[in-house]
N, C-alpha and C. Protein backbone atom coordinates (compact mmCIF):
# COMPACT_ATOMS: atom_id res chain seq x y z
N UNK A 1 0.63 -1.72 -0.05
CA UNK A 1 0.24 0.02 -0.21
C UNK A 1 0.61 1.22 0.15
N UNK A 2 1.33 1.79 -1.35
CA UNK A 2 2.00 3.00 -1.31
C UNK A 2 1.34 3.87 -1.01
N UNK A 3 0.03 3.90 -0.85
CA UNK A 3 -0.70 4.95 -0.42
C UNK A 3 -0.05 6.06 1.15
N UNK A 4 0.61 5.00 1.90
CA UNK A 4 0.99 5.80 3.20
C UNK A 4 1.79 6.66 2.63
N UNK A 5 2.44 6.09 2.00
CA UNK A 5 3.61 6.94 1.64
C UNK A 5 3.41 8.31 1.05
N UNK A 6 2.35 8.09 0.64
CA UNK A 6 1.92 9.11 -0.38
C UNK A 6 1.69 10.92 0.53
N UNK A 7 0.84 9.86 1.76
CA UNK A 7 0.08 10.56 2.81
C UNK A 7 1.13 11.14 3.66
N UNK A 8 2.13 10.53 4.35
CA UNK A 8 2.87 10.87 5.20
C UNK A 8 4.02 12.48 4.20
N UNK A 9 4.27 12.17 2.72
CA UNK A 9 4.90 13.30 2.18
C UNK A 9 3.92 14.22 2.04
N UNK A 10 2.22 13.82 1.58
CA UNK A 10 1.96 15.29 1.45
C UNK A 10 1.56 15.86 2.93
N UNK A 11 1.50 15.24 4.26
CA UNK A 11 0.95 15.51 5.57
C UNK A 11 2.25 16.79 6.04
N UNK A 12 3.58 16.11 5.78
CA UNK A 12 4.59 16.89 5.76
C UNK A 12 5.06 18.13 4.86
N UNK A 13 4.75 18.06 3.33
CA UNK A 13 3.84 19.43 3.03
C UNK A 13 3.12 20.50 3.47
N UNK A 14 2.18 20.01 3.49
CA UNK A 14 1.20 20.45 4.27
C UNK A 14 1.41 21.34 5.35
N UNK A 15 2.34 20.43 6.47
CA UNK A 15 2.19 21.40 7.82
C UNK A 15 3.98 22.52 7.34
N UNK A 16 4.40 22.02 6.35
CA UNK A 16 5.12 22.76 6.05
C UNK A 16 5.11 23.94 5.60
N UNK A 17 4.52 24.30 5.03
CA UNK A 17 3.52 25.50 4.18
C UNK A 17 2.58 25.92 5.35
N UNK A 18 1.95 25.08 6.19
CA UNK A 18 1.23 26.56 7.10
C UNK A 18 2.23 26.55 8.25
N UNK A 19 3.33 26.33 9.04
CA UNK A 19 3.90 26.67 9.51
C UNK A 19 4.70 27.65 9.06
N UNK A 20 4.85 28.07 7.69
CA UNK A 20 5.61 29.15 7.02
C UNK A 20 4.55 30.28 7.16
N UNK A 21 3.19 30.17 7.05
CA UNK A 21 2.30 30.99 6.63
C UNK A 21 1.44 31.10 8.43
N UNK A 22 2.12 30.79 9.41
CA UNK A 22 1.64 30.82 10.81
C UNK A 22 0.80 30.40 11.17
N UNK A 23 -0.03 29.54 10.20
CA UNK A 23 -1.32 28.81 10.72
C UNK A 23 -1.06 28.26 11.82
N UNK A 24 -2.30 28.22 12.30
CA UNK A 24 -2.33 27.49 13.92
C UNK A 24 -3.24 25.76 13.51
N UNK A 25 -4.32 26.07 12.38
CA UNK A 25 -5.04 24.97 12.15
C UNK A 25 -5.14 24.29 11.13
N UNK A 26 -4.57 22.73 9.97
CA UNK A 26 -5.35 23.08 8.72
C UNK A 26 -6.57 22.22 8.93
N UNK A 27 -7.81 22.67 8.23
CA UNK A 27 -8.95 22.21 8.73
C UNK A 27 -9.47 21.37 7.00
N UNK A 28 -8.85 21.49 6.23
CA UNK A 28 -9.02 21.13 5.03
C UNK A 28 -8.22 20.58 4.07
N UNK A 29 -7.76 19.77 3.05
CA UNK A 29 -6.92 19.76 2.74
C UNK A 29 -7.48 19.08 0.57
N UNK A 30 -7.49 20.02 -0.51
CA UNK A 30 -8.02 19.50 -1.55
C UNK A 30 -6.75 18.92 -2.26
N UNK A 31 -6.91 17.12 -2.75
CA UNK A 31 -5.67 17.03 -3.41
C UNK A 31 -6.37 16.04 -4.76
N UNK A 32 -5.80 16.92 -6.03
CA UNK A 32 -5.79 15.88 -6.91
C UNK A 32 -5.52 14.69 -7.51
N UNK A 33 -5.85 14.00 -7.89
CA UNK A 33 -5.73 12.54 -8.30
C UNK A 33 -6.11 12.12 -9.66
N UNK A 34 -4.76 11.60 -10.58
CA UNK A 34 -4.87 11.65 -11.59
C UNK A 34 -5.39 10.04 -12.32
N UNK A 35 -6.88 9.96 -12.83
CA UNK A 35 -7.78 8.65 -12.84
C UNK A 35 -6.83 7.67 -13.17
N UNK A 36 -5.94 7.86 -13.33
CA UNK A 36 -4.86 6.23 -13.99
C UNK A 36 -3.64 6.18 -13.12
N UNK A 37 -3.40 6.89 -11.58
CA UNK A 37 -2.60 6.99 -11.28
C UNK A 37 -1.89 6.09 -10.32
N UNK A 38 -2.99 4.89 -10.17
CA UNK A 38 -2.96 4.11 -8.88
C UNK A 38 -3.16 4.44 -7.36
N UNK A 39 -3.13 5.38 -7.24
CA UNK A 39 -3.86 5.77 -6.11
C UNK A 39 -5.30 5.53 -6.20
N UNK A 40 -5.12 4.68 -4.58
CA UNK A 40 -6.71 4.36 -4.47
C UNK A 40 -7.54 5.08 -3.44
N UNK A 41 -8.15 6.27 -3.74
CA UNK A 41 -8.62 6.74 -2.67
C UNK A 41 -8.73 6.46 -1.80
N UNK A 42 -10.10 5.07 -1.43
CA UNK A 42 -10.51 4.92 -0.16
C UNK A 42 -9.03 4.33 1.10
N UNK A 43 -8.28 4.35 0.41
CA UNK A 43 -6.82 3.81 1.38
C UNK A 43 -6.16 4.98 1.35
N UNK A 44 -6.19 5.86 0.64
CA UNK A 44 -5.61 7.29 0.61
C UNK A 44 -6.73 8.21 1.93
N UNK A 45 -7.70 7.83 2.14
CA UNK A 45 -8.56 8.40 2.59
C UNK A 45 -8.06 7.98 4.21
N UNK A 46 -8.28 6.62 4.35
CA UNK A 46 -7.59 5.96 5.65
C UNK A 46 -7.18 6.16 6.37
N UNK A 47 -5.73 6.43 5.39
CA UNK A 47 -4.56 6.48 5.89
C UNK A 47 -4.07 7.91 6.18
N UNK A 48 -4.97 9.24 5.22
CA UNK A 48 -5.35 10.16 5.89
C UNK A 48 -5.60 10.78 7.34
N UNK A 49 -6.51 9.72 7.80
CA UNK A 49 -7.51 10.08 9.04
C UNK A 49 -6.34 10.14 10.21
N UNK A 50 -5.50 8.31 10.01
CA UNK A 50 -4.88 7.93 10.84
C UNK A 50 -3.82 8.98 10.95
N UNK A 51 -3.45 9.40 9.87
CA UNK A 51 -1.95 10.51 10.10
C UNK A 51 -2.15 11.30 10.90
N UNK A 52 -2.82 12.34 10.06
CA UNK A 52 -3.45 13.36 10.79
C UNK A 52 -3.72 13.61 12.06
N UNK A 53 -4.21 12.14 13.20
CA UNK A 53 -4.66 12.20 14.01
C UNK A 53 -3.68 12.14 15.16
N UNK A 54 -2.23 12.14 14.65
CA UNK A 54 -0.84 12.38 15.06
C UNK A 54 0.07 13.62 15.18
N UNK A 55 -0.44 14.17 14.23
CA UNK A 55 -0.34 16.00 14.24
C UNK A 55 -1.20 16.94 15.03
N UNK A 56 -0.44 17.50 15.67
CA UNK A 56 -1.57 18.70 16.67
C UNK A 56 -2.05 19.50 15.75
N UNK A 57 -1.32 19.90 14.63
CA UNK A 57 -1.64 21.22 13.79
C UNK A 57 -3.06 20.37 12.31
N UNK A 58 -2.38 19.34 12.35
CA UNK A 58 -3.31 18.62 11.60
C UNK A 58 -4.59 17.51 12.21
N UNK A 59 -4.77 17.37 13.24
CA UNK A 59 -6.03 16.88 13.64
C UNK A 59 -7.33 16.93 12.84
N UNK A 60 -8.00 16.12 12.48
CA UNK A 60 -9.22 16.40 12.52
C UNK A 60 -9.46 17.45 10.69
N UNK A 61 -8.22 16.94 10.45
CA UNK A 61 -8.19 17.73 8.71
C UNK A 61 -8.99 16.61 7.72
N UNK A 62 -9.75 17.68 7.04
CA UNK A 62 -10.17 17.08 6.30
C UNK A 62 -9.77 16.82 4.83
N UNK A 63 -10.13 15.50 4.14
CA UNK A 63 -9.49 15.40 2.65
C UNK A 63 -10.15 14.96 1.90
N UNK A 64 -10.40 15.89 0.62
CA UNK A 64 -11.14 16.01 -0.58
C UNK A 64 -10.39 15.99 -1.42
N UNK A 65 -11.05 14.62 -2.07
CA UNK A 65 -10.34 14.83 -3.49
C UNK A 65 -10.86 14.55 -4.52
N UNK A 66 -10.17 15.22 -5.85
CA UNK A 66 -10.29 15.64 -6.97
C UNK A 66 -9.88 14.65 -8.27
N UNK A 67 -10.85 14.17 -8.82
CA UNK A 67 -10.37 13.13 -9.67
C UNK A 67 -9.52 14.37 -11.45
N UNK A 68 -8.51 14.04 -11.73
CA UNK A 68 -7.81 14.46 -13.02
C UNK A 68 -7.73 13.57 -14.09
N UNK A 69 -8.99 13.47 -15.17
CA UNK A 69 -9.29 12.74 -15.81
C UNK A 69 -8.11 12.33 -16.71
N UNK A 70 -7.73 11.05 -17.10
CA UNK A 70 -6.70 10.62 -18.31
C UNK A 70 -7.04 10.98 -19.18
N UNK A 71 -5.64 11.78 -20.23
CA UNK A 71 -6.11 11.85 -21.65
C UNK A 71 -5.04 12.05 -22.13
N UNK A 72 -5.31 11.14 -23.65
CA UNK A 72 -4.06 10.19 -24.23
C UNK A 72 -3.87 11.28 -25.73
N UNK A 73 -2.71 11.54 -25.72
CA UNK A 73 -2.19 12.85 -27.03
C UNK A 73 -2.23 11.46 -28.52
N UNK A 74 -2.90 11.29 -29.63
CA UNK A 74 -2.08 10.75 -31.01
C UNK A 74 -1.01 11.59 -31.50
N UNK A 75 -0.04 10.70 -32.08
CA UNK A 75 1.15 11.53 -32.60
C UNK A 75 0.72 11.56 -34.12
N UNK A 76 -0.22 10.60 -34.47
CA UNK A 76 -0.47 10.89 -35.81
C UNK A 76 -1.64 11.48 -36.28
N UNK A 77 -2.39 11.73 -35.58
CA UNK A 77 -3.69 12.35 -36.14
C UNK A 77 -3.75 13.87 -35.13
N UNK A 78 -3.06 13.85 -34.16
CA UNK A 78 -2.38 14.90 -33.37
C UNK A 78 -3.80 15.43 -32.61
N UNK A 79 -4.74 13.98 -31.90
CA UNK A 79 -6.36 14.42 -31.57
C UNK A 79 -5.67 13.79 -30.00
N UNK A 80 -6.34 14.41 -28.81
CA UNK A 80 -6.90 14.09 -27.40
C UNK A 80 -7.82 13.29 -27.70
N UNK A 81 -7.97 12.29 -26.55
CA UNK A 81 -9.36 11.31 -26.07
C UNK A 81 -9.05 10.74 -24.99
N UNK A 82 -9.93 10.18 -24.18
CA UNK A 82 -10.41 9.64 -22.77
C UNK A 82 -9.42 8.60 -23.22
N UNK A 83 -8.63 8.62 -21.97
CA UNK A 83 -7.45 7.33 -22.41
C UNK A 83 -8.50 5.84 -21.72
N UNK A 84 -8.98 6.11 -20.13
CA UNK A 84 -9.43 4.94 -20.16
C UNK A 84 -10.61 4.19 -20.32
N UNK A 85 -11.71 4.94 -21.17
CA UNK A 85 -12.78 4.70 -22.13
C UNK A 85 -11.66 4.13 -23.91
N UNK A 86 -10.58 4.59 -23.93
CA UNK A 86 -10.28 4.36 -25.54
C UNK A 86 -9.20 3.30 -25.10
N UNK A 87 -8.31 3.05 -24.08
CA UNK A 87 -6.92 3.05 -23.67
C UNK A 87 -5.75 3.26 -24.77
N UNK A 88 -4.68 2.40 -25.15
CA UNK A 88 -3.44 3.27 -26.05
C UNK A 88 -3.60 3.60 -27.80
N UNK A 89 -4.98 2.76 -27.99
CA UNK A 89 -5.52 3.00 -29.61
C UNK A 89 -6.27 3.74 -29.93
N UNK A 90 -5.24 4.70 -30.42
CA UNK A 90 -6.41 6.06 -31.36
C UNK A 90 -7.88 6.11 -31.18
N UNK A 91 -8.88 6.38 -30.97
CA UNK A 91 -10.32 5.96 -31.51
C UNK A 91 -10.32 6.57 -33.04
N UNK A 92 -9.60 8.16 -33.18
CA UNK A 92 -10.43 8.47 -34.63
C UNK A 92 -8.91 7.80 -35.48
N UNK A 93 -8.51 7.29 -35.51
CA UNK A 93 -6.72 7.27 -36.55
C UNK A 93 -6.79 5.91 -36.18
N UNK A 94 -6.65 4.86 -34.84
CA UNK A 94 -6.67 3.70 -34.72
C UNK A 94 -5.00 3.32 -34.68
N UNK A 95 -4.20 4.46 -34.68
CA UNK A 95 -3.08 4.51 -34.78
C UNK A 95 -2.70 3.99 -32.84
N UNK A 96 -1.85 3.64 -32.91
CA UNK A 96 -0.47 3.16 -31.48
C UNK A 96 0.36 3.95 -31.00
N UNK A 97 0.50 5.05 -31.70
CA UNK A 97 1.53 6.12 -31.12
C UNK A 97 0.61 7.18 -30.77
N UNK A 98 0.47 6.73 -29.38
CA UNK A 98 0.29 7.34 -28.24
C UNK A 98 0.75 7.41 -26.94
N UNK A 99 0.56 8.90 -26.72
CA UNK A 99 1.12 9.08 -25.10
C UNK A 99 0.18 9.64 -24.42
N UNK A 100 0.62 9.09 -22.85
CA UNK A 100 -0.49 9.84 -21.52
C UNK A 100 -0.21 11.05 -21.44
N UNK A 101 -0.52 12.05 -21.45
CA UNK A 101 -0.63 13.82 -21.38
C UNK A 101 -1.34 14.26 -20.18
N UNK A 102 -2.41 13.76 -19.33
CA UNK A 102 -2.25 14.09 -18.03
C UNK A 102 -3.26 12.61 -17.55
N UNK A 103 -3.25 12.77 -16.12
CA UNK A 103 -3.83 11.63 -15.52
C UNK A 103 -3.30 10.83 -14.61
N UNK A 104 -1.94 10.57 -14.96
CA UNK A 104 -1.45 9.96 -13.70
C UNK A 104 -0.83 11.22 -12.53
N UNK A 105 -0.58 12.14 -12.47
CA UNK A 105 -0.12 12.89 -11.38
C UNK A 105 -1.27 13.32 -10.23
N UNK A 106 -0.17 13.64 -9.18
CA UNK A 106 -1.06 13.90 -7.51
C UNK A 106 -0.50 15.18 -7.37
N UNK A 107 -1.51 15.99 -6.69
CA UNK A 107 -0.93 17.65 -6.28
C UNK A 107 -1.73 17.71 -5.89
N UNK A 108 -1.76 18.39 -4.87
CA UNK A 108 -2.30 19.52 -3.57
C UNK A 108 -2.91 21.16 -4.68
N UNK A 109 -4.22 20.93 -4.30
CA UNK A 109 -4.17 22.04 -5.32
C UNK A 109 -4.98 23.10 -4.15
N UNK A 110 -5.54 22.80 -2.71
CA UNK A 110 -5.53 23.83 -1.67
C UNK A 110 -5.55 23.47 -0.16
N UNK A 111 -5.25 24.36 0.57
CA UNK A 111 -5.09 24.21 1.77
C UNK A 111 -5.76 24.73 2.57
N UNK A 112 -6.86 24.94 3.27
CA UNK A 112 -8.19 26.17 3.95
C UNK A 112 -7.40 25.94 5.84
N UNK A 113 -6.79 26.65 5.87
CA UNK A 113 -6.52 27.16 7.78
C UNK A 113 -7.38 27.52 8.16
N UNK A 114 -7.28 27.50 9.53
CA UNK A 114 -8.10 28.57 10.94
C UNK A 114 -6.95 29.14 11.77
N UNK A 115 -7.31 30.41 12.18
CA UNK A 115 -6.63 30.48 13.26
C UNK A 115 -7.76 30.46 14.62
N UNK A 116 -7.15 29.36 15.41
CA UNK A 116 -7.56 29.65 16.71
C UNK A 116 -7.48 30.44 17.72
């Protein structure tokens, strides 16, 4: 389960940003996860609750997850298409000369803090 390692990294990053900005409490984090990133949101949320409970700054912090759709680009016809629906074969020209342009990443989109 690599979600635990991802959560540790994200929590550390959020804590550092919050401290740099003199925030007293992190209330919510919005995380964007690519549709084909292999991160399982259910496992991520479970690990999130546990890790945040160990941090005074993050205790009770809500995790909101947004999905980044997977999009593939065809080098032959220069069209883009939804990866999950069509896979590696371009639905426009049938080419296999394609590559993923988005949908494998994860990133912090928002951090909501409050002062107590």
